[in-house]
Protein backbone atom coordinates (compact mmCIF):
# COMPACT_ATOMS: atom_id res chain seq x y z
CA MET A 1 -27.98 13.97 0.14
CA ILE A 2 -24.22 13.75 0.73
CA ARG A 3 -24.33 10.06 -0.17
CA GLY A 4 -25.93 10.86 -3.51
CA VAL A 5 -23.41 13.59 -4.29
CA LEU A 6 -20.47 11.36 -3.40
CA ARG A 7 -21.99 8.54 -5.45
CA TRP A 8 -21.95 10.83 -8.51
CA VAL A 9 -18.42 12.07 -7.77
CA LEU A 10 -17.15 8.50 -7.39
CA ALA A 11 -18.96 7.41 -10.54
CA ALA A 12 -17.41 10.32 -12.48
CA PHE A 13 -13.96 9.34 -11.17
CA TYR A 14 -14.40 5.70 -12.22
CA ALA A 15 -15.97 6.62 -15.56
CA ALA A 16 -13.01 8.89 -16.37
CA ALA A 17 -10.53 6.20 -15.31
CA GLY A 18 -12.38 3.58 -17.35
CA TYR A 19 -12.38 5.82 -20.40
CA LEU A 20 -8.62 6.39 -20.02
CA HIS A 21 -8.02 2.65 -19.71
CA LEU A 22 -9.68 2.20 -23.11
CA VAL A 23 -8.27 5.15 -25.06
CA ARG A 24 -4.82 5.50 -23.50
CA PRO A 25 -3.78 2.16 -22.00
CA GLU A 26 0.00 2.82 -22.08
CA PRO A 27 0.33 4.36 -18.58
CA PHE A 28 -1.63 1.47 -17.08
CA LEU A 29 0.43 -1.10 -18.96
CA SER A 30 3.64 0.50 -17.70
CA ILE A 31 2.72 -0.13 -14.05
CA MET A 32 1.37 -3.65 -14.57
CA PRO A 33 3.25 -6.28 -12.55
CA SER A 34 5.09 -8.72 -14.81
CA TRP A 35 3.26 -11.72 -13.33
CA VAL A 36 -0.12 -10.52 -14.67
CA PRO A 37 -1.05 -12.54 -17.78
CA SER A 38 -2.31 -10.75 -20.92
CA PRO A 39 -1.74 -7.20 -19.62
CA GLU A 40 -3.46 -5.55 -22.62
CA ALA A 41 -6.62 -7.57 -22.03
CA VAL A 42 -6.48 -6.86 -18.29
CA VAL A 43 -6.26 -3.11 -18.90
CA LEU A 44 -9.10 -3.27 -21.43
CA TRP A 45 -11.40 -5.27 -19.15
CA THR A 46 -10.58 -3.19 -16.08
CA GLY A 47 -11.63 -0.13 -18.06
CA VAL A 48 -14.89 -1.83 -18.99
CA ALA A 49 -15.41 -2.84 -15.35
CA GLU A 50 -14.90 0.76 -14.21
CA LEU A 51 -17.40 2.07 -16.75
CA LEU A 52 -20.01 -0.56 -15.86
CA GLY A 53 -19.49 0.00 -12.13
CA ALA A 54 -19.86 3.75 -12.56
CA ALA A 55 -23.07 3.31 -14.56
CA ALA A 56 -24.51 0.91 -11.98
CA LEU A 57 -23.62 3.27 -9.15
CA VAL A 58 -25.61 6.21 -10.55
CA GLN A 59 -28.61 4.49 -12.08
CA TRP A 60 -31.81 5.14 -10.15
CA ALA A 61 -34.05 2.25 -11.19
CA SER A 62 -32.61 -0.52 -9.04
CA PRO A 63 -31.03 -0.15 -5.59
CA ARG A 64 -29.98 -3.79 -5.94
CA LEU A 65 -28.00 -3.01 -9.13
CA ARG A 66 -26.53 0.05 -7.40
CA ARG A 67 -25.32 -2.11 -4.53
CA ALA A 68 -23.91 -4.68 -6.98
CA GLY A 69 -22.01 -1.91 -8.76
CA ALA A 70 -20.70 -0.65 -5.42
CA ILE A 71 -19.48 -4.12 -4.46
CA GLY A 72 -17.91 -4.53 -7.89
CA LEU A 73 -16.05 -1.21 -7.62
CA ALA A 74 -14.89 -2.03 -4.10
CA ALA A 75 -13.61 -5.42 -5.27
CA TYR A 76 -11.94 -3.72 -8.23
CA ALA A 77 -10.08 -1.33 -5.90
CA VAL A 78 -8.83 -4.32 -3.90
CA CYS A 79 -7.76 -6.19 -7.05
CA VAL A 80 -5.72 -3.31 -8.50
CA PHE A 81 -3.88 -2.66 -5.23
CA PRO A 82 -0.92 -4.87 -6.31
CA ALA A 83 -0.47 -2.65 -9.38
CA SER A 84 -0.44 0.42 -7.12
CA ILE A 85 2.24 -1.17 -4.92
CA HIS A 86 4.22 -2.17 -8.02
CA HIS A 87 3.97 1.37 -9.39
CA PHE A 88 5.15 2.76 -6.03
CA ALA A 89 8.20 0.47 -6.02
CA LEU A 90 9.10 1.08 -9.68
CA ASP A 91 8.67 4.82 -9.46
CA MET A 92 10.62 5.25 -6.23
CA ALA A 93 13.50 3.17 -7.66
CA ARG A 94 14.00 5.68 -10.49
CA GLY A 95 17.05 7.87 -10.25
CA ASP A 96 14.95 11.02 -9.91
CA GLY A 97 12.59 9.46 -7.36
CA GLY A 98 9.70 9.50 -9.80
CA LEU A 99 6.54 11.11 -8.51
CA GLY A 100 7.83 10.89 -4.94
CA LEU A 101 6.35 9.95 -1.60
CA GLY A 102 4.00 12.94 -1.70
CA TYR A 103 2.13 11.17 -4.50
CA HIS A 104 2.50 7.51 -3.58
CA VAL A 105 1.80 7.54 0.18
CA PRO A 106 -1.57 9.32 -0.14
CA ARG A 107 -2.41 6.99 -3.03
CA MET A 108 -1.74 3.96 -0.82
CA PHE A 109 -4.05 5.35 1.86
CA ALA A 110 -6.67 6.33 -0.73
CA GLN A 111 -7.11 2.76 -1.96
CA PRO A 112 -8.86 1.45 1.20
CA LEU A 113 -10.81 4.71 1.35
CA LEU A 114 -12.08 4.06 -2.19
CA VAL A 115 -13.21 0.59 -1.13
CA TRP A 116 -15.19 2.03 1.78
CA LEU A 117 -16.53 4.96 -0.26
CA ALA A 118 -17.85 2.69 -3.00
CA LEU A 119 -19.64 0.52 -0.43
CA TRP A 120 -21.00 3.49 1.52
CA ALA A 121 -22.04 5.59 -1.49
CA GLY A 122 -23.67 2.55 -3.07
CA GLY A 123 -25.76 1.89 0.03
CA THR A 124 -24.06 -1.39 0.94
CA THR A 125 -22.88 -0.18 4.35
CA ASP A 126 -23.66 2.65 6.73
CA TRP A 127 -20.48 2.17 8.76
CA PRO A 128 -19.38 4.28 10.55
CA LEU A 129 -22.16 6.75 9.80
CA ARG A 130 -25.20 4.90 11.10
CA ARG A 131 -28.56 6.11 9.89
CA ARG A 132 -30.77 7.43 12.65
């Protein structure tokens, strides 16, 4: 039961983020590392990926598609980690300290947690909560 609830919570989170990537890309573009090619296209397609991953995670017809969505969202969280690090560095370098360590440090720890949560909620892993 808890897995199903967290699957819906995670899907809602990714669906909201995907929607924001599409309708308000500016904040995402502002934290994009300069070495990323075609930043507008990257933000657009990451939004699409989040929406598709969220939809796959909550559909009930195919556990295989659910697992594929979970793997996709986990891979996505790994791929956007450089942007999170870049945002941390840019923000902390601001004269006012930006959002501060109270925002950025938990965000850095949340990224690996999101990878695990996507895999666990999607039924790809049971670690460390083995089924009995």
